[in-house]
């Protein structure tokens, strides 16, 4: 995964967790929803990283 995409996932996760921490005072359900959204965002980053790695490995095998 490139540096830009890694930066995007890290910053977006931090922003979502910050919003969740602020929303704890106002609405618990919103905080739980934002927490779940952050977990999904992190998971999507790992899934994308694995797919890109597999694609790069497949290309390397074909060119060998």
PDB file of N, CA and C in Angstrom:
ATOM      1  N   UNK A   1       0.853  -1.164   0.000  1.00  0.00           N
ATOM      2  CA  UNK A   1       0.000   0.000   0.000  1.00  0.00           C
ATOM      3  C   UNK A   1       0.897   1.224   0.000  1.00  0.00           C
ATOM      4  N   UNK A   2       0.525   2.194  -0.783  1.00  0.00           N
ATOM      5  CA  UNK A   2       1.321   3.401  -0.882  1.00  0.00           C
ATOM      6  C   UNK A   2       1.232   4.261   0.372  1.00  0.00           C
ATOM      7  N   UNK A   3       2.152   5.200   0.459  1.00  0.00           N
ATOM      8  CA  UNK A   3       2.195   6.068   1.635  1.00  0.00           C
ATOM      9  C   UNK A   3       0.970   6.958   1.722  1.00  0.00           C
ATOM     10  N   UNK A   4       0.490   7.424   0.589  1.00  0.00           N
ATOM     11  CA  UNK A   4      -0.684   8.290   0.588  1.00  0.00           C
ATOM     12  C   UNK A   4      -1.928   7.581   1.081  1.00  0.00           C
ATOM     13  N   UNK A   5      -2.112   6.348   0.623  1.00  0.00           N
ATOM     14  CA  UNK A   5      -3.273   5.573   1.051  1.00  0.00           C
ATOM     15  C   UNK A   5      -3.175   5.199   2.526  1.00  0.00           C
ATOM     16  N   UNK A   6      -1.992   4.879   2.979  1.00  0.00           N
ATOM     17  CA  UNK A   6      -1.792   4.587   4.404  1.00  0.00           C
ATOM     18  C   UNK A   6      -2.083   5.815   5.248  1.00  0.00           C
ATOM     19  N   UNK A   7      -1.632   6.964   4.782  1.00  0.00           N
ATOM     20  CA  UNK A   7      -1.892   8.206   5.491  1.00  0.00           C
ATOM     21  C   UNK A   7      -3.387   8.493   5.552  1.00  0.00           C
ATOM     22  N   UNK A   8      -4.083   8.242   4.448  1.00  0.00           N
ATOM     23  CA  UNK A   8      -5.530   8.464   4.414  1.00  0.00           C
ATOM     24  C   UNK A   8      -6.240   7.603   5.458  1.00  0.00           C
ATOM     25  N   UNK A   9      -5.908   6.316   5.533  1.00  0.00           N
ATOM     26  CA  UNK A   9      -6.575   5.439   6.488  1.00  0.00           C
ATOM     27  C   UNK A   9      -6.236   5.822   7.921  1.00  0.00           C
ATOM     28  N   UNK A  10      -5.016   6.220   8.182  1.00  0.00           N
ATOM     29  CA  UNK A  10      -4.658   6.590   9.556  1.00  0.00           C
ATOM     30  C   UNK A  10      -5.347   7.886   9.976  1.00  0.00           C
ATOM     31  N   UNK A  11      -5.345   8.886   9.124  1.00  0.00           N
ATOM     32  CA  UNK A  11      -5.974  10.159   9.478  1.00  0.00           C
ATOM     33  C   UNK A  11      -7.485  10.022   9.586  1.00  0.00           C
ATOM     34  N   UNK A  12      -8.095   9.275   8.660  1.00  0.00           N
ATOM     35  CA  UNK A  12      -9.549   9.118   8.734  1.00  0.00           C
ATOM     36  C   UNK A  12      -9.955   8.351   9.991  1.00  0.00           C
ATOM     37  N   UNK A  13      -9.174   7.361  10.393  1.00  0.00           N
ATOM     38  CA  UNK A  13      -9.486   6.623  11.621  1.00  0.00           C
ATOM     39  C   UNK A  13      -9.341   7.510  12.848  1.00  0.00           C
ATOM     40  N   UNK A  14      -8.313   8.338  12.873  1.00  0.00           N
ATOM     41  CA  UNK A  14      -8.128   9.257  13.997  1.00  0.00           C
ATOM     42  C   UNK A  14      -9.278  10.249  14.077  1.00  0.00           C
ATOM     43  N   UNK A  15      -9.701  10.780  12.935  1.00  0.00           N
ATOM     44  CA  UNK A  15     -10.821  11.733  12.934  1.00  0.00           C
ATOM     45  C   UNK A  15     -12.120  11.085  13.391  1.00  0.00           C
ATOM     46  N   UNK A  16     -12.365   9.853  12.949  1.00  0.00           N
ATOM     47  CA  UNK A  16     -13.586   9.157  13.365  1.00  0.00           C
ATOM     48  C   UNK A  16     -13.550   8.871  14.862  1.00  0.00           C
ATOM     49  N   UNK A  17     -12.409   8.433  15.379  1.00  0.00           N
ATOM     50  CA  UNK A  17     -12.301   8.184  16.823  1.00  0.00           C
ATOM     51  C   UNK A  17     -12.422   9.478  17.626  1.00  0.00           C
ATOM     52  N   UNK A  18     -11.905  10.581  17.106  1.00  0.00           N
ATOM     53  CA  UNK A  18     -12.051  11.871  17.776  1.00  0.00           C
ATOM     54  C   UNK A  18     -13.525  12.269  17.828  1.00  0.00           C
ATOM     55  N   UNK A  19     -14.216  12.083  16.724  1.00  0.00           N
ATOM     56  CA  UNK A  19     -15.651  12.390  16.703  1.00  0.00           C
ATOM     57  C   UNK A  19     -16.412  11.486  17.670  1.00  0.00           C
ATOM     58  N   UNK A  20     -16.009  10.228  17.762  1.00  0.00           N
ATOM     59  CA  UNK A  20     -16.665   9.310  18.693  1.00  0.00           C
ATOM     60  C   UNK A  20     -16.426   9.738  20.130  1.00  0.00           C
ATOM     61  N   UNK A  21     -15.211  10.168  20.437  1.00  0.00           N
ATOM     62  CA  UNK A  21     -14.925  10.578  21.810  1.00  0.00           C
ATOM     63  C   UNK A  21     -15.680  11.847  22.189  1.00  0.00           C
ATOM     64  N   UNK A  22     -15.852  12.754  21.252  1.00  0.00           N
ATOM     65  CA  UNK A  22     -16.630  13.958  21.524  1.00  0.00           C
ATOM     66  C   UNK A  22     -18.110  13.626  21.671  1.00  0.00           C
ATOM     67  N   UNK A  23     -18.601  12.698  20.868  1.00  0.00           N
ATOM     68  CA  UNK A  23     -20.031  12.382  20.883  1.00  0.00           C
ATOM     69  C   UNK A  23     -20.440  11.538  22.088  1.00  0.00           C
ATOM     70  N   UNK A  24     -19.486  11.011  22.845  1.00  0.00           N
ATOM     71  CA  UNK A  24     -19.836  10.240  24.043  1.00  0.00           C
ATOM     72  C   UNK A  24     -20.645  11.105  25.011  1.00  0.00           C
ATOM     73  N   UNK A  25     -20.313  12.365  25.109  1.00  0.00           N
ATOM     74  CA  UNK A  25     -21.018  13.263  26.027  1.00  0.00           C
ATOM     75  C   UNK A  25     -22.436  13.557  25.572  1.00  0.00           C
ATOM     76  N   UNK A  26     -22.694  13.474  24.288  1.00  0.00           N
ATOM     77  CA  UNK A  26     -23.974  13.887  23.745  1.00  0.00           C
ATOM     78  C   UNK A  26     -24.907  12.723  23.445  1.00  0.00           C
ATOM     79  N   UNK A  27     -24.393  11.689  22.805  1.00  0.00           N
ATOM     80  CA  UNK A  27     -25.262  10.606  22.373  1.00  0.00           C
ATOM     81  C   UNK A  27     -24.448   9.312  22.339  1.00  0.00           C
ATOM     82  N   UNK A  28     -24.797   8.384  23.203  1.00  0.00           N
ATOM     83  CA  UNK A  28     -24.057   7.127  23.289  1.00  0.00           C
ATOM     84  C   UNK A  28     -24.182   6.304  22.010  1.00  0.00           C
ATOM     85  N   UNK A  29     -25.378   6.300  21.412  1.00  0.00           N
ATOM     86  CA  UNK A  29     -25.579   5.505  20.190  1.00  0.00           C
ATOM     87  C   UNK A  29     -24.739   6.029  19.039  1.00  0.00           C
ATOM     88  N   UNK A  30     -24.621   7.343  18.960  1.00  0.00           N
ATOM     89  CA  UNK A  30     -23.773   7.926  17.918  1.00  0.00           C
ATOM     90  C   UNK A  30     -22.310   7.569  18.153  1.00  0.00           C
ATOM     91  N   UNK A  31     -21.895   7.575  19.408  1.00  0.00           N
ATOM     92  CA  UNK A  31     -20.518   7.203  19.733  1.00  0.00           C
ATOM     93  C   UNK A  31     -20.255   5.749  19.364  1.00  0.00           C
ATOM     94  N   UNK A  32     -21.199   4.863  19.646  1.00  0.00           N
ATOM     95  CA  UNK A  32     -21.044   3.447  19.285  1.00  0.00           C
ATOM     96  C   UNK A  32     -21.016   3.269  17.778  1.00  0.00           C
ATOM     97  N   UNK A  33     -21.853   4.007  17.079  1.00  0.00           N
ATOM     98  CA  UNK A  33     -21.879   3.931  15.615  1.00  0.00           C
ATOM     99  C   UNK A  33     -20.555   4.418  15.031  1.00  0.00           C
ATOM    100  N   UNK A  34     -20.020   5.504  15.552  1.00  0.00           N
ATOM    101  CA  UNK A  34     -18.740   6.007  15.066  1.00  0.00           C
ATOM    102  C   UNK A  34     -17.598   5.051  15.415  1.00  0.00           C
ATOM    103  N   UNK A  35     -17.678   4.413  16.574  1.00  0.00           N
ATOM    104  CA  UNK A  35     -16.666   3.416  16.926  1.00  0.00           C
ATOM    105  C   UNK A  35     -16.689   2.242  15.968  1.00  0.00           C
ATOM    106  N   UNK A  36     -17.890   1.781  15.626  1.00  0.00           N
ATOM    107  CA  UNK A  36     -18.031   0.695  14.661  1.00  0.00           C
ATOM    108  C   UNK A  36     -17.531   1.122  13.288  1.00  0.00           C
ATOM    109  N   UNK A  37     -17.834   2.349  12.911  1.00  0.00           N
ATOM    110  CA  UNK A  37     -17.360   2.873  11.628  1.00  0.00           C
ATOM    111  C   UNK A  37     -15.834   2.911  11.584  1.00  0.00           C
ATOM    112  N   UNK A  38     -15.222   3.265  12.689  1.00  0.00           N
ATOM    113  CA  UNK A  38     -13.754   3.293  12.743  1.00  0.00           C
ATOM    114  C   UNK A  38     -13.171   1.892  12.599  1.00  0.00           C
ATOM    115  N   UNK A  39     -13.773   0.931  13.270  1.00  0.00           N
ATOM    116  CA  UNK A  39     -13.300  -0.457  13.151  1.00  0.00           C
ATOM    117  C   UNK A  39     -13.443  -0.944  11.717  1.00  0.00           C
ATOM    118  N   UNK A  40     -14.558  -0.614  11.075  1.00  0.00           N
ATOM    119  CA  UNK A  40     -14.754  -0.995   9.674  1.00  0.00           C
ATOM    120  C   UNK A  40     -13.743  -0.306   8.760  1.00  0.00           C
ATOM    121  N   UNK A  41     -13.434   0.948   9.044  1.00  0.00           N
ATOM    122  CA  UNK A  41     -12.447   1.691   8.259  1.00  0.00           C
ATOM    123  C   UNK A  41     -11.065   1.052   8.382  1.00  0.00           C
ATOM    124  N   UNK A  42     -10.677   0.686   9.586  1.00  0.00           N
ATOM    125  CA  UNK A  42      -9.380   0.035   9.788  1.00  0.00           C
ATOM    126  C   UNK A  42      -9.359  -1.322   9.090  1.00  0.00           C
ATOM    127  N   UNK A  43     -10.446  -2.076   9.212  1.00  0.00           N
ATOM    128  CA  UNK A  43     -10.538  -3.382   8.550  1.00  0.00           C
ATOM    129  C   UNK A  43     -10.466  -3.256   7.042  1.00  0.00           C
ATOM    130  N   UNK A  44     -11.132  -2.246   6.493  1.00  0.00           N
ATOM    131  CA  UNK A  44     -11.093  -2.022   5.056  1.00  0.00           C
ATOM    132  C   UNK A  44      -9.662  -1.713   4.615  1.00  0.00           C
ATOM    133  N   UNK A  45      -8.920  -0.985   5.431  1.00  0.00           N
ATOM    134  CA  UNK A  45      -7.527  -0.700   5.106  1.00  0.00           C
ATOM    135  C   UNK A  45      -6.690  -1.965   5.048  1.00  0.00           C
ATOM    136  N   UNK A  46      -6.882  -2.875   6.016  1.00  0.00           N
ATOM    137  CA  UNK A  46      -6.141  -4.134   6.007  1.00  0.00           C
ATOM    138  C   UNK A  46      -6.541  -5.011   4.818  1.00  0.00           C
ATOM    139  N   UNK A  47      -7.823  -5.034   4.490  1.00  0.00           N
ATOM    140  CA  UNK A  47      -8.294  -5.816   3.340  1.00  0.00           C
ATOM    141  C   UNK A  47      -7.678  -5.282   2.050  1.00  0.00           C
ATOM    142  N   UNK A  48      -7.699  -3.970   1.893  1.00  0.00           N
ATOM    143  CA  UNK A  48      -7.128  -3.356   0.698  1.00  0.00           C
ATOM    144  C   UNK A  48      -5.633  -3.619   0.602  1.00  0.00           C
ATOM    145  N   UNK A  49      -4.942  -3.546   1.724  1.00  0.00           N
ATOM    146  CA  UNK A  49      -3.507  -3.817   1.739  1.00  0.00           C
ATOM    147  C   UNK A  49      -3.212  -5.247   1.306  1.00  0.00           C
ATOM    148  N   UNK A  50      -4.001  -6.205   1.791  1.00  0.00           N
ATOM    149  CA  UNK A  50      -3.795  -7.608   1.424  1.00  0.00           C
ATOM    150  C   UNK A  50      -4.074  -7.830  -0.062  1.00  0.00           C
ATOM    151  N   UNK A  51      -5.139  -7.207  -0.572  1.00  0.00           N
ATOM    152  CA  UNK A  51      -5.455  -7.362  -2.001  1.00  0.00           C
ATOM    153  C   UNK A  51      -4.363  -6.785  -2.882  1.00  0.00           C
ATOM    154  N   UNK A  52      -3.855  -5.608  -2.521  1.00  0.00           N
ATOM    155  CA  UNK A  52      -2.788  -5.000  -3.311  1.00  0.00           C
ATOM    156  C   UNK A  52      -1.512  -5.826  -3.250  1.00  0.00           C
ATOM    157  N   UNK A  53      -1.224  -6.401  -2.087  1.00  0.00           N
ATOM    158  CA  UNK A  53      -0.026  -7.237  -1.943  1.00  0.00           C
ATOM    159  C   UNK A  53      -0.155  -8.494  -2.796  1.00  0.00           C
ATOM    160  N   UNK A  54      -1.340  -9.136  -2.752  1.00  0.00           N
ATOM    161  CA  UNK A  54      -1.548 -10.338  -3.566  1.00  0.00           C
ATOM    162  C   UNK A  54      -1.448 -10.030  -5.048  1.00  0.00           C
ATOM    163  N   UNK A  55      -1.987  -8.908  -5.463  1.00  0.00           N
ATOM    164  CA  UNK A  55      -1.925  -8.521  -6.870  1.00  0.00           C
ATOM    165  C   UNK A  55      -0.481  -8.286  -7.301  1.00  0.00           C
ATOM    166  N   UNK A  56       0.308  -7.645  -6.445  1.00  0.00           N
ATOM    167  CA  UNK A  56       1.719  -7.399  -6.760  1.00  0.00           C
ATOM    168  C   UNK A  56       2.498  -8.710  -6.815  1.00  0.00           C
ATOM    169  N   UNK A  57       2.191  -9.650  -5.920  1.00  0.00           N
ATOM    170  CA  UNK A  57       2.870 -10.950  -5.944  1.00  0.00           C
ATOM    171  C   UNK A  57       2.516 -11.729  -7.198  1.00  0.00           C
ATOM    172  N   UNK A  58       1.256 -11.651  -7.633  1.00  0.00           N
ATOM    173  CA  UNK A  58       0.840 -12.350  -8.849  1.00  0.00           C
ATOM    174  C   UNK A  58       1.559 -11.770 -10.063  1.00  0.00           C
ATOM    175  N   UNK A  59       1.697 -10.444 -10.102  1.00  0.00           N
ATOM    176  CA  UNK A  59       2.418  -9.817 -11.215  1.00  0.00           C
ATOM    177  C   UNK A  59       3.876 -10.233 -11.221  1.00  0.00           C
ATOM    178  N   UNK A  60       4.474 -10.323 -10.040  1.00  0.00           N
ATOM    179  CA  UNK A  60       5.878 -10.703  -9.953  1.00  0.00           C
ATOM    180  C   UNK A  60       6.086 -12.140 -10.399  1.00  0.00           C
ATOM    181  N   UNK A  61       5.143 -13.036 -10.100  1.00  0.00           N
ATOM    182  CA  UNK A  61       5.252 -14.424 -10.536  1.00  0.00           C
ATOM    183  C   UNK A  61       5.113 -14.543 -12.046  1.00  0.00           C
ATOM    184  N   UNK A  62       4.206 -13.770 -12.633  1.00  0.00           N
ATOM    185  CA  UNK A  62       4.008 -13.831 -14.084  1.00  0.00           C
ATOM    186  C   UNK A  62       5.219 -13.314 -14.838  1.00  0.00           C
ATOM    187  N   UNK A  63       5.881 -12.319 -14.290  1.00  0.00           N
ATOM    188  CA  UNK A  63       7.035 -11.754 -14.991  1.00  0.00           C
ATOM    189  C   UNK A  63       8.298 -12.581 -14.785  1.00  0.00           C
ATOM    190  N   UNK A  64       8.298 -13.496 -13.834  1.00  0.00           N
ATOM    191  CA  UNK A  64       9.488 -14.329 -13.582  1.00  0.00           C
ATOM    192  C   UNK A  64       9.599 -15.451 -14.578  1.00  0.00           C
TER     193      UNK A  64
END
